Amino acid sequence: MDTLAQADSAILMKRKQRQEMIQPYVFFMPAFILIAMISFIPLGYAIVQSFFRSDYLNLGSFVGFGNYYDYLISRNGLTSIINSIVFVVGTIIVAVPLGFGLALLLNQSFPFRGTIRTILILPWMVSNLVCGLLWAWLINPQLGLVTVFFNWISLDIPNFITNEYAAMASVILASGWAQYPLVMVFVLSALQTVSPELLEASRIDGATAWQRFWKVIFPLVRNTTMLSLILTTLHTFKNVEIILIMTGGGPNAKTETMALRVFQEGFQFFRLGVGSAGAVIIFILNIIFALAFIRILRSEHGA
């Protein structure tokens, strides 16, 4: 009887251990299925579709890298890549310093800080579609608030729609305005983990305000800043709505980015094979940018 009881106990123990091993995967599976449905499966289908001539959603003949050649060589392919890099770098130059500076400001105590925080985070809550419409109205050559203001002070400004440099600058400003709250929220959350005692000790030791920032504060929030930089880069690379509404890729394709070109190829010209090839190229570039940022972060951390 004792032997049978011990055997049953061992079986129950093994069953319990097996259930404990399986349980985390059971809880993880719904999230994995959801991510697979909205990310992995469409990505895999896009990769497959990029090697075929497509009649809308129907795969046609296999063309190998023909779609990639069409995307890169025909109709401003290389120009759209250059425009995307300029657009992303410009957005980072606007969004990251602005978000970081506002985070430093909001980390201080002053009246109505909560209200100001709410106001400053509003661009993050607004969709890119609404952001594009808002900035398109602001830079309207006839009725835009920016145009009216500069006319009021008798200052001539270039047309933000027809001038290629002004058009790119306008979409970069709009994108930077939409992205800076992401940086601000991330950096602000990291700043609130910095010990006040540590800052007070550095001040007592004679460190200036700049030295306290560069030697004490920034090393503690550097990783979070780099994460916000990576997310800003990924979001900007796939941004279509702002450029589509503000300039439509013009003038003369000077603001036509890769994401906009993918949208046009897939949903205006119904060349989904070429559009999928462009989407795969964007995906690869995103990985390259993310890995480069991570490598920089690790090298600095190691140093």
Protein backbone atom coordinates (compact mmCIF):
# COMPACT_ATOMS: atom_id res chain seq x y z
CA MET A 1 0.00 0.00 0.00
CA ASP A 2 2.82 2.35 0.86
CA THR A 3 4.44 1.60 -2.48
CA LEU A 4 1.21 2.37 -4.36
CA ALA A 5 0.75 5.58 -2.39
CA GLN A 6 4.29 6.66 -3.19
CA ALA A 7 3.77 5.85 -6.88
CA ASP A 8 0.55 7.88 -6.97
CA SER A 9 2.28 10.73 -5.19
CA ALA A 10 5.13 10.65 -7.72
CA ILE A 11 2.64 10.66 -10.63
CA LEU A 12 0.76 13.60 -9.13
CA MET A 13 4.03 15.45 -8.55
CA LYS A 14 5.12 14.94 -12.14
CA ARG A 15 1.70 16.03 -13.40
CA LYS A 16 1.88 19.18 -11.26
CA GLN A 17 5.38 19.93 -12.52
CA ARG A 18 4.21 19.44 -16.09
CA GLN A 19 1.29 21.80 -15.53
CA GLU A 20 3.60 24.40 -13.99
CA MET A 21 5.86 24.15 -17.02
CA ILE A 22 2.98 24.51 -19.47
CA GLN A 23 1.11 27.25 -17.59
CA PRO A 24 3.35 30.21 -18.67
CA TYR A 25 2.97 29.18 -22.33
CA VAL A 26 -0.80 28.97 -21.94
CA PHE A 27 -0.94 32.54 -20.62
CA PHE A 28 1.51 33.68 -23.29
CA MET A 29 -0.27 32.04 -26.22
CA PRO A 30 -3.23 34.52 -26.66
CA ALA A 31 -0.82 37.46 -26.91
CA PHE A 32 1.43 35.52 -29.30
CA ILE A 33 -1.55 34.59 -31.51
CA LEU A 34 -2.70 38.22 -31.61
CA ILE A 35 0.79 39.49 -32.48
CA ALA A 36 1.13 36.78 -35.14
CA MET A 37 -2.21 37.75 -36.71
CA ILE A 38 -1.47 41.48 -36.90
CA SER A 39 2.31 41.40 -37.45
CA PHE A 40 4.06 38.16 -38.34
CA ILE A 41 1.51 36.73 -40.77
CA PRO A 42 1.07 39.99 -42.78
CA LEU A 43 4.85 40.46 -42.81
CA GLY A 44 5.39 36.93 -44.08
CA TYR A 45 2.74 37.37 -46.76
CA ALA A 46 4.28 40.70 -47.81
CA ILE A 47 7.68 39.03 -48.20
CA VAL A 48 6.16 36.27 -50.34
CA GLN A 49 4.10 38.76 -52.37
CA SER A 50 7.18 40.89 -53.07
CA PHE A 51 8.53 38.11 -55.34
CA PHE A 52 5.36 37.83 -57.48
CA ARG A 53 3.46 39.96 -59.94
CA SER A 54 0.21 40.57 -58.13
CA ASP A 55 -3.27 41.24 -59.41
CA TYR A 56 -4.42 43.03 -56.27
CA LEU A 57 -4.54 40.21 -53.65
CA ASN A 58 -3.99 37.38 -56.14
CA LEU A 59 -0.44 36.19 -56.70
CA GLY A 60 0.60 36.11 -60.34
CA SER A 61 3.81 34.93 -61.95
CA PHE A 62 7.06 34.63 -60.02
CA VAL A 63 9.43 37.49 -60.88
CA GLY A 64 12.17 37.06 -58.27
CA PHE A 65 13.69 40.42 -57.41
CA GLY A 66 11.90 42.14 -60.29
CA ASN A 67 9.58 44.05 -57.94
CA TYR A 68 12.54 45.27 -55.92
CA TYR A 69 14.18 46.45 -59.14
CA ASP A 70 11.00 48.25 -60.18
CA TYR A 71 10.68 49.90 -56.79
CA LEU A 72 14.28 51.08 -56.60
CA ILE A 73 14.88 52.06 -60.23
CA SER A 74 11.55 53.19 -61.67
CA ARG A 75 9.61 56.28 -60.63
CA ASN A 76 11.86 58.03 -58.14
CA GLY A 77 12.78 54.91 -56.18
CA LEU A 78 16.19 56.08 -54.99
CA THR A 79 14.84 59.60 -54.45
CA SER A 80 12.18 58.25 -52.10
CA ILE A 81 14.88 56.50 -50.04
CA ILE A 82 16.88 59.71 -49.74
CA ASN A 83 13.73 61.64 -48.86
CA SER A 84 12.88 59.08 -46.17
CA ILE A 85 16.32 59.40 -44.58
CA VAL A 86 16.08 63.21 -44.63
CA PHE A 87 12.56 63.04 -43.19
CA VAL A 88 13.56 60.65 -40.39
CA VAL A 89 16.76 62.48 -39.46
CA GLY A 90 14.96 65.83 -39.54
CA THR A 91 12.18 64.52 -37.32
CA ILE A 92 14.72 63.18 -34.83
CA ILE A 93 16.54 66.54 -34.78
CA VAL A 94 13.25 68.28 -33.94
CA ALA A 95 11.56 65.73 -31.68
CA VAL A 96 14.38 64.43 -29.48
CA PRO A 97 15.91 67.73 -28.26
CA LEU A 98 12.44 69.28 -27.89
CA GLY A 99 11.07 66.30 -25.97
CA PHE A 100 14.20 66.07 -23.80
CA GLY A 101 14.14 69.79 -22.99
CA LEU A 102 10.45 69.76 -22.08
CA ALA A 103 11.01 66.69 -19.89
CA LEU A 104 13.72 68.57 -17.98
CA LEU A 105 11.35 71.51 -17.59
CA LEU A 106 8.40 69.40 -16.44
CA ASN A 107 10.60 67.62 -13.92
CA GLN A 108 10.80 70.89 -11.98
CA SER A 109 8.17 72.17 -9.57
CA PHE A 110 6.12 75.15 -10.73
CA PRO A 111 2.46 76.23 -10.71
CA PHE A 112 0.01 74.46 -13.04
CA ARG A 113 2.59 71.81 -13.91
CA GLY A 114 -0.09 69.11 -14.26
CA THR A 115 -2.14 71.23 -16.67
CA ILE A 116 0.92 72.06 -18.78
CA ARG A 117 1.87 68.38 -18.90
CA THR A 118 -1.59 67.54 -20.21
CA ILE A 119 -1.37 70.22 -22.89
CA LEU A 120 2.10 69.18 -24.02
CA ILE A 121 1.13 65.53 -24.38
CA LEU A 122 -1.86 66.32 -26.63
CA PRO A 123 0.06 65.93 -29.94
CA TRP A 124 0.73 62.31 -28.97
CA MET A 125 -3.01 61.71 -28.50
CA VAL A 126 -3.86 63.18 -31.90
CA SER A 127 -3.76 60.86 -34.90
CA ASN A 128 -1.34 61.53 -37.75
CA LEU A 129 -4.35 62.21 -39.95
CA VAL A 130 -5.52 65.06 -37.71
CA CYS A 131 -1.94 66.28 -37.34
CA GLY A 132 -1.59 66.47 -41.12
CA LEU A 133 -4.86 68.35 -41.49
CA LEU A 134 -3.89 70.80 -38.73
CA TRP A 135 -0.49 71.61 -40.20
CA ALA A 136 -1.88 71.74 -43.73
CA TRP A 137 -4.22 74.49 -42.51
CA LEU A 138 -1.40 76.30 -40.69
CA ILE A 139 0.81 76.49 -43.80
CA ASN A 140 -1.97 77.13 -46.31
CA PRO A 141 -0.60 79.75 -48.74
CA GLN A 142 -3.80 81.83 -48.64
CA LEU A 143 -5.50 81.32 -45.28
CA GLY A 144 -2.93 79.60 -43.09
CA LEU A 145 -2.13 81.11 -39.71
CA VAL A 146 1.61 81.00 -40.42
CA THR A 147 1.15 82.77 -43.76
CA VAL A 148 -1.14 85.41 -42.24
CA PHE A 149 1.34 86.07 -39.42
CA PHE A 150 4.32 86.57 -41.73
CA ASN A 151 2.25 88.76 -44.04
CA TRP A 152 1.21 90.81 -41.01
CA ILE A 153 4.85 91.50 -40.12
CA SER A 154 5.61 92.18 -43.82
CA LEU A 155 8.02 89.26 -44.19
CA ASP A 156 8.11 87.29 -47.41
CA ILE A 157 8.23 83.52 -46.95
CA PRO A 158 8.42 80.72 -49.52
CA ASN A 159 5.31 78.78 -50.42
CA PHE A 160 5.27 75.73 -48.12
CA ILE A 161 3.49 73.66 -50.76
CA THR A 162 5.32 74.51 -54.00
CA ASN A 163 8.83 75.20 -52.69
CA GLU A 164 10.66 71.86 -52.33
CA TYR A 165 12.83 72.89 -49.38
CA ALA A 166 9.99 74.61 -47.53
CA ALA A 167 7.71 71.61 -48.19
CA MET A 168 10.19 69.16 -46.67
CA ALA A 169 10.80 71.49 -43.73
CA SER A 170 7.07 71.77 -43.08
CA VAL A 171 6.45 68.01 -43.02
CA ILE A 172 9.51 67.54 -40.76
CA LEU A 173 8.17 70.14 -38.33
CA ALA A 174 4.75 68.51 -38.34
CA SER A 175 6.25 65.08 -37.75
CA GLY A 176 8.54 66.38 -35.02
CA TRP A 177 5.56 68.04 -33.33
CA ALA A 178 3.66 64.74 -33.42
CA GLN A 179 6.62 62.69 -32.10
CA TYR A 180 8.14 64.84 -29.34
CA PRO A 181 5.62 63.78 -26.62
CA LEU A 182 6.87 60.20 -26.94
CA VAL A 183 10.41 61.35 -26.10
CA MET A 184 9.11 63.68 -23.40
CA VAL A 185 7.14 60.98 -21.59
CA PHE A 186 9.97 58.44 -21.71
CA VAL A 187 12.65 60.87 -20.53
CA LEU A 188 10.39 62.38 -17.86
CA SER A 189 9.69 58.95 -16.40
CA ALA A 190 13.44 58.27 -16.30
CA LEU A 191 14.21 61.65 -14.72
CA GLN A 192 11.84 60.94 -11.86
CA THR A 193 14.01 57.95 -10.89
CA VAL A 194 17.09 60.14 -10.40
CA SER A 195 17.82 60.42 -6.69
CA PRO A 196 17.54 63.99 -5.32
CA GLU A 197 20.21 63.05 -2.75
CA LEU A 198 22.62 62.25 -5.59
CA LEU A 199 22.03 65.65 -7.20
CA GLU A 200 22.38 67.40 -3.86
CA ALA A 201 25.66 65.61 -3.18
CA SER A 202 27.04 66.66 -6.57
CA ARG A 203 25.98 70.24 -5.91
CA ILE A 204 27.72 70.23 -2.51
CA ASP A 205 30.84 68.89 -4.21
CA GLY A 206 30.88 72.00 -6.37
CA ALA A 207 29.46 70.66 -9.63
CA THR A 208 27.91 73.28 -11.91
CA ALA A 209 24.43 72.88 -13.39
CA TRP A 210 25.92 71.67 -16.68
CA GLN A 211 28.21 69.21 -14.90
CA ARG A 212 25.29 67.85 -12.86
CA PHE A 213 23.33 67.33 -16.05
CA TRP A 214 26.14 65.80 -18.12
CA LYS A 215 27.84 63.72 -15.42
CA VAL A 216 24.90 62.73 -13.21
CA ILE A 217 21.52 63.09 -14.94
CA PHE A 218 22.25 62.17 -18.54
CA PRO A 219 24.06 58.85 -17.84
CA LEU A 220 21.02 57.73 -15.83
CA VAL A 221 18.51 58.56 -18.59
CA ARG A 222 20.69 57.72 -21.60
CA ASN A 223 19.24 54.25 -22.13
CA THR A 224 15.67 55.57 -22.01
CA THR A 225 16.57 58.38 -24.41
CA MET A 226 18.04 55.87 -26.86
CA LEU A 227 14.89 53.74 -26.62
CA SER A 228 12.72 56.76 -27.41
CA LEU A 229 15.06 57.57 -30.31
CA ILE A 230 14.60 54.06 -31.74
CA LEU A 231 10.81 54.23 -31.42
CA THR A 232 10.73 57.69 -33.01
CA THR A 233 12.77 56.40 -35.94
CA LEU A 234 10.48 53.40 -36.47
CA HIS A 235 7.31 55.48 -36.24
CA THR A 236 8.64 58.13 -38.62
CA PHE A 237 9.78 55.63 -41.24
CA LYS A 238 6.24 54.28 -41.62
CA ASN A 239 4.49 57.65 -41.42
CA VAL A 240 2.25 58.16 -44.44
CA GLU A 241 -0.66 60.36 -43.36
CA ILE A 242 1.19 63.60 -42.61
CA ILE A 243 2.98 63.78 -45.95
CA LEU A 244 0.00 62.47 -47.91
CA ILE A 245 -2.27 65.21 -46.55
CA MET A 246 0.20 68.10 -46.41
CA THR A 247 2.09 67.78 -49.70
CA GLY A 248 0.99 64.52 -51.35
CA GLY A 249 4.66 63.82 -52.02
CA GLY A 250 5.20 67.01 -53.99
CA PRO A 251 6.45 69.26 -55.31
CA ASN A 252 8.04 67.08 -58.00
CA ALA A 253 8.32 64.12 -55.60
CA LYS A 254 10.63 66.11 -53.30
CA THR A 255 8.70 64.92 -50.21
CA GLU A 256 7.79 61.47 -51.52
CA THR A 257 9.06 59.02 -48.90
CA MET A 258 9.29 55.25 -49.06
CA ALA A 259 6.18 54.76 -46.94
CA LEU A 260 4.17 57.10 -49.16
CA ARG A 261 5.46 55.30 -52.25
CA VAL A 262 4.40 51.94 -50.78
CA PHE A 263 0.92 53.35 -50.16
CA GLN A 264 0.69 54.68 -53.71
CA GLU A 265 1.95 51.48 -55.33
CA GLY A 266 -0.38 49.29 -53.33
CA PHE A 267 -3.59 51.29 -53.01
CA GLN A 268 -3.52 53.77 -55.89
CA PHE A 269 -1.80 51.83 -58.67
CA PHE A 270 -2.75 48.38 -57.27
CA ARG A 271 0.77 47.03 -57.83
CA LEU A 272 0.88 45.19 -54.53
CA GLY A 273 3.97 43.22 -55.51
CA VAL A 274 6.00 46.41 -55.91
CA GLY A 275 4.41 47.91 -52.81
CA SER A 276 5.28 44.80 -50.80
CA ALA A 277 8.86 45.01 -52.03
CA GLY A 278 9.03 48.59 -50.76
CA ALA A 279 7.54 47.53 -47.41
CA VAL A 280 10.21 44.83 -47.04
CA ILE A 281 12.93 47.39 -47.79
CA ILE A 282 11.50 49.69 -45.09
CA PHE A 283 11.45 46.76 -42.67
CA ILE A 284 15.12 46.00 -43.39
CA LEU A 285 16.12 49.65 -42.98
CA ASN A 286 14.25 49.80 -39.66
CA ILE A 287 16.20 46.78 -38.43
CA ILE A 288 19.49 48.35 -39.57
CA PHE A 289 18.72 51.64 -37.80
CA ALA A 290 17.60 49.84 -34.61
CA LEU A 291 20.69 47.62 -34.53
CA ALA A 292 22.94 50.64 -35.12
CA PHE A 293 21.34 52.54 -32.22
CA ILE A 294 21.59 49.49 -29.95
CA ARG A 295 25.24 49.00 -30.88
CA ILE A 296 25.98 52.64 -30.07
CA LEU A 297 24.14 52.30 -26.77
CA ARG A 298 26.05 49.15 -25.79
CA SER A 299 29.43 50.62 -26.79
CA GLU A 300 28.79 53.76 -24.74
CA HIS A 301 27.53 51.69 -21.82
CA GLY A 302 30.62 49.52 -22.00
CA ALA A 303 32.85 52.57 -22.14
